[in-house]
């Protein structure tokens, strides 16, 4: 009784996997991620990323509604798949530490104060320059949104000059990851664009 049951269970698990794949002319198994009608409407003469030409329009398909494109609650619905196409943070975090993105550099002035210098030529898609005021503003809207998770260390962020901000921490930083959310998961927006 056990052997026929296990054989049937094995077939039930294998058949869906085999049915998903198709063979291409090169003999490799492929799996389509596009609906059939979308596959048929793809233009065979479309530009490719290595053609050197600019695209007039880029279409991104996701399988769920992102709900909104606000720069917080970044894990909602399909936002994680598309968010980095629209927003940028000061830094990214990898194995070697903080990698500058909008920030040019950072320095520790004492145990609870870090200064971050921005590149002075960054603009948003509308041409608004991104400045220290925008970093302060973006941090405020993130905190006010209720989605500022893991910000326990942050006391305040303030403008030093047009392209420098100072972060004041509630206690000394003891682990690299403590700054990930205030620095890498706070997306910077232009206050002018936001308010208009």
Protein backbone atom coordinates (compact mmCIF):
# COMPACT_ATOMS: atom_id res chain seq x y z
CA UNK A 1 0.00 0.00 0.00
CA UNK A 2 2.90 2.33 0.82
CA UNK A 3 4.77 1.91 -2.49
CA UNK A 4 1.85 2.78 -4.83
CA UNK A 5 1.05 5.83 -2.68
CA UNK A 6 4.67 7.08 -2.79
CA UNK A 7 4.84 6.49 -6.56
CA UNK A 8 1.63 8.48 -7.09
CA UNK A 9 2.90 11.26 -4.83
CA UNK A 10 6.18 11.40 -6.76
CA UNK A 11 4.36 11.68 -10.11
CA UNK A 12 2.09 14.39 -8.71
CA UNK A 13 5.16 16.44 -7.77
CA UNK A 14 7.12 15.84 -10.99
CA UNK A 15 4.39 16.34 -13.62
CA UNK A 16 3.79 20.07 -12.85
CA UNK A 17 7.53 20.75 -13.07
CA UNK A 18 7.89 19.00 -16.42
CA UNK A 19 4.80 20.70 -17.81
CA UNK A 20 6.19 24.20 -17.07
CA UNK A 21 9.28 23.84 -19.24
CA UNK A 22 9.45 23.99 -23.02
CA UNK A 23 12.30 23.17 -25.34
CA UNK A 24 13.91 25.88 -27.41
CA UNK A 25 15.68 25.21 -30.75
CA UNK A 26 19.04 24.93 -28.96
CA UNK A 27 17.66 22.05 -26.94
CA UNK A 28 17.69 23.91 -23.61
CA UNK A 29 14.70 23.89 -21.33
CA UNK A 30 13.16 27.33 -20.85
CA UNK A 31 10.27 28.65 -18.83
CA UNK A 32 8.12 31.56 -19.93
CA UNK A 33 7.41 34.32 -17.44
CA UNK A 34 5.26 36.35 -19.83
CA UNK A 35 1.59 35.70 -20.61
CA UNK A 36 1.09 34.25 -24.11
CA UNK A 37 -0.61 37.39 -25.47
CA UNK A 38 2.30 39.55 -24.23
CA UNK A 39 4.82 37.22 -25.90
CA UNK A 40 3.04 37.57 -29.22
CA UNK A 41 3.01 41.38 -29.05
CA UNK A 42 6.76 41.81 -28.48
CA UNK A 43 8.33 43.76 -31.34
CA UNK A 44 11.11 41.71 -32.93
CA UNK A 45 12.86 44.95 -34.00
CA UNK A 46 12.94 46.45 -30.52
CA UNK A 47 16.09 48.13 -29.25
CA UNK A 48 18.39 46.25 -26.95
CA UNK A 49 20.31 47.62 -24.01
CA UNK A 50 23.62 47.25 -25.84
CA UNK A 51 22.45 49.05 -29.01
CA UNK A 52 23.57 52.44 -27.70
CA UNK A 53 20.15 53.94 -28.46
CA UNK A 54 17.90 55.53 -25.86
CA UNK A 55 14.51 54.07 -25.15
CA UNK A 56 11.52 56.38 -25.55
CA UNK A 57 9.53 54.21 -23.16
CA UNK A 58 10.30 51.37 -20.77
CA UNK A 59 7.50 49.07 -19.62
CA UNK A 60 7.90 47.17 -16.38
CA UNK A 61 5.49 44.33 -15.68
CA UNK A 62 4.80 43.21 -12.12
CA UNK A 63 2.32 40.64 -10.91
CA UNK A 64 0.75 42.77 -8.18
CA UNK A 65 -0.33 46.37 -7.69
CA UNK A 66 2.37 48.42 -5.92
CA UNK A 67 -0.48 50.38 -4.22
CA UNK A 68 1.37 53.71 -4.58
CA UNK A 69 4.81 55.05 -5.40
CA UNK A 70 5.45 56.86 -2.12
CA UNK A 71 9.04 56.61 -0.83
CA UNK A 72 8.19 54.57 2.26
CA UNK A 73 6.51 51.24 3.04
CA UNK A 74 8.92 49.84 0.46
CA UNK A 75 8.05 46.21 1.15
CA UNK A 76 4.38 46.57 0.18
CA UNK A 77 3.07 44.48 -2.73
CA UNK A 78 5.37 44.72 -5.75
CA UNK A 79 7.33 47.78 -4.59
CA UNK A 80 10.52 45.83 -3.76
CA UNK A 81 10.82 44.82 -7.43
CA UNK A 82 10.59 48.31 -8.90
CA UNK A 83 11.49 50.81 -6.19
CA UNK A 84 15.14 51.26 -7.08
CA UNK A 85 14.10 52.42 -10.54
CA UNK A 86 12.59 55.55 -9.00
CA UNK A 87 14.37 56.37 -5.76
CA UNK A 88 17.86 56.46 -4.33
CA UNK A 89 19.25 56.57 -0.82
CA UNK A 90 22.44 58.14 0.50
CA UNK A 91 24.26 54.80 0.70
CA UNK A 92 24.01 51.16 -0.14
CA UNK A 93 25.30 48.49 2.24
CA UNK A 94 27.45 45.58 1.15
CA UNK A 95 30.06 43.35 2.75
CA UNK A 96 32.66 46.11 2.74
CA UNK A 97 30.41 48.64 4.48
CA UNK A 98 28.56 51.72 3.26
CA UNK A 99 28.84 52.41 -0.46
CA UNK A 100 28.13 56.04 -1.45
CA UNK A 101 25.15 56.62 -3.75
CA UNK A 102 23.81 60.18 -3.35
CA UNK A 103 26.40 60.74 -0.64
CA UNK A 104 29.94 61.57 -1.64
CA UNK A 105 31.46 60.71 1.73
CA UNK A 106 30.89 60.50 5.46
CA UNK A 107 32.97 61.13 8.56
CA UNK A 108 32.56 60.56 12.26
CA UNK A 109 33.06 63.84 14.13
CA UNK A 110 32.60 62.13 17.51
CA UNK A 111 30.92 58.98 18.84
CA UNK A 112 27.40 60.27 18.31
CA UNK A 113 27.79 62.69 15.38
CA UNK A 114 28.41 61.70 11.75
CA UNK A 115 28.58 64.13 8.86
CA UNK A 116 27.51 63.13 5.36
CA UNK A 117 28.53 65.15 2.31
CA UNK A 118 26.36 64.92 -0.82
CA UNK A 119 27.49 65.23 -4.40
CA UNK A 120 26.68 68.80 -5.45
CA UNK A 121 25.37 68.00 -8.92
CA UNK A 122 22.49 65.57 -8.27
CA UNK A 123 19.06 66.48 -9.62
CA UNK A 124 15.75 64.68 -9.70
CA UNK A 125 13.93 63.87 -12.94
CA UNK A 126 12.27 67.32 -12.92
CA UNK A 127 15.64 69.07 -12.63
CA UNK A 128 15.35 69.98 -8.93
CA UNK A 129 18.75 69.89 -7.19
CA UNK A 130 19.03 67.45 -4.28
CA UNK A 131 20.49 69.24 -1.26
CA UNK A 132 20.92 68.82 2.47
CA UNK A 133 17.44 70.31 2.98
CA UNK A 134 16.01 67.42 0.94
CA UNK A 135 17.82 64.85 3.10
CA UNK A 136 16.38 66.42 6.27
CA UNK A 137 12.93 66.62 4.65
CA UNK A 138 13.03 63.01 3.38
CA UNK A 139 14.05 61.71 6.79
CA UNK A 140 11.15 63.61 8.36
CA UNK A 141 8.55 62.24 5.94
CA UNK A 142 9.90 58.71 6.47
CA UNK A 143 9.58 59.06 10.25
CA UNK A 144 6.17 60.75 10.02
CA UNK A 145 4.91 57.98 7.71
CA UNK A 146 5.11 55.39 10.47
CA UNK A 147 7.43 53.17 8.37
CA UNK A 148 10.71 54.23 9.97
CA UNK A 149 11.62 50.80 11.31
CA UNK A 150 14.98 50.31 13.01
CA UNK A 151 15.56 54.04 13.52
CA UNK A 152 16.08 53.63 17.28
CA UNK A 153 19.61 55.01 17.03
CA UNK A 154 18.60 58.23 15.25
CA UNK A 155 18.17 61.32 17.41
CA UNK A 156 18.06 63.89 14.60
CA UNK A 157 19.46 64.90 11.24
CA UNK A 158 20.25 68.53 10.52
CA UNK A 159 21.63 70.69 7.75
CA UNK A 160 25.23 71.91 8.08
CA UNK A 161 25.44 73.58 4.67
CA UNK A 162 23.82 73.09 1.26
CA UNK A 163 25.49 69.72 0.69
CA UNK A 164 26.32 68.49 4.19
CA UNK A 165 24.05 66.98 6.85
CA UNK A 166 24.86 65.92 10.38
CA UNK A 167 23.34 62.83 11.95
CA UNK A 168 23.10 62.81 15.73
CA UNK A 169 22.80 59.32 17.21
CA UNK A 170 21.25 58.55 20.61
CA UNK A 171 24.21 56.31 21.47
CA UNK A 172 27.53 55.34 19.86
CA UNK A 173 27.35 53.10 16.79
CA UNK A 174 28.61 49.62 17.71
CA UNK A 175 27.58 47.64 14.61
CA UNK A 176 27.77 48.56 10.94
CA UNK A 177 24.15 47.52 10.34
CA UNK A 178 22.77 50.02 12.85
CA UNK A 179 22.87 52.77 10.21
CA UNK A 180 21.39 50.70 7.40
CA UNK A 181 17.84 51.98 7.75
CA UNK A 182 18.54 55.70 8.34
CA UNK A 183 21.18 55.75 5.56
CA UNK A 184 20.25 53.02 3.07
CA UNK A 185 16.48 52.75 3.40
CA UNK A 186 15.53 56.39 3.59
CA UNK A 187 14.85 57.40 0.00
CA UNK A 188 15.71 60.99 -0.76
CA UNK A 189 13.16 63.11 -2.59
CA UNK A 190 13.13 66.75 -3.59
CA UNK A 191 11.06 68.75 -1.10
CA UNK A 192 10.06 71.11 -3.92
CA UNK A 193 8.77 68.25 -6.09
CA UNK A 194 7.04 66.59 -3.13
CA UNK A 195 5.20 69.73 -2.09
CA UNK A 196 4.13 70.61 -5.64
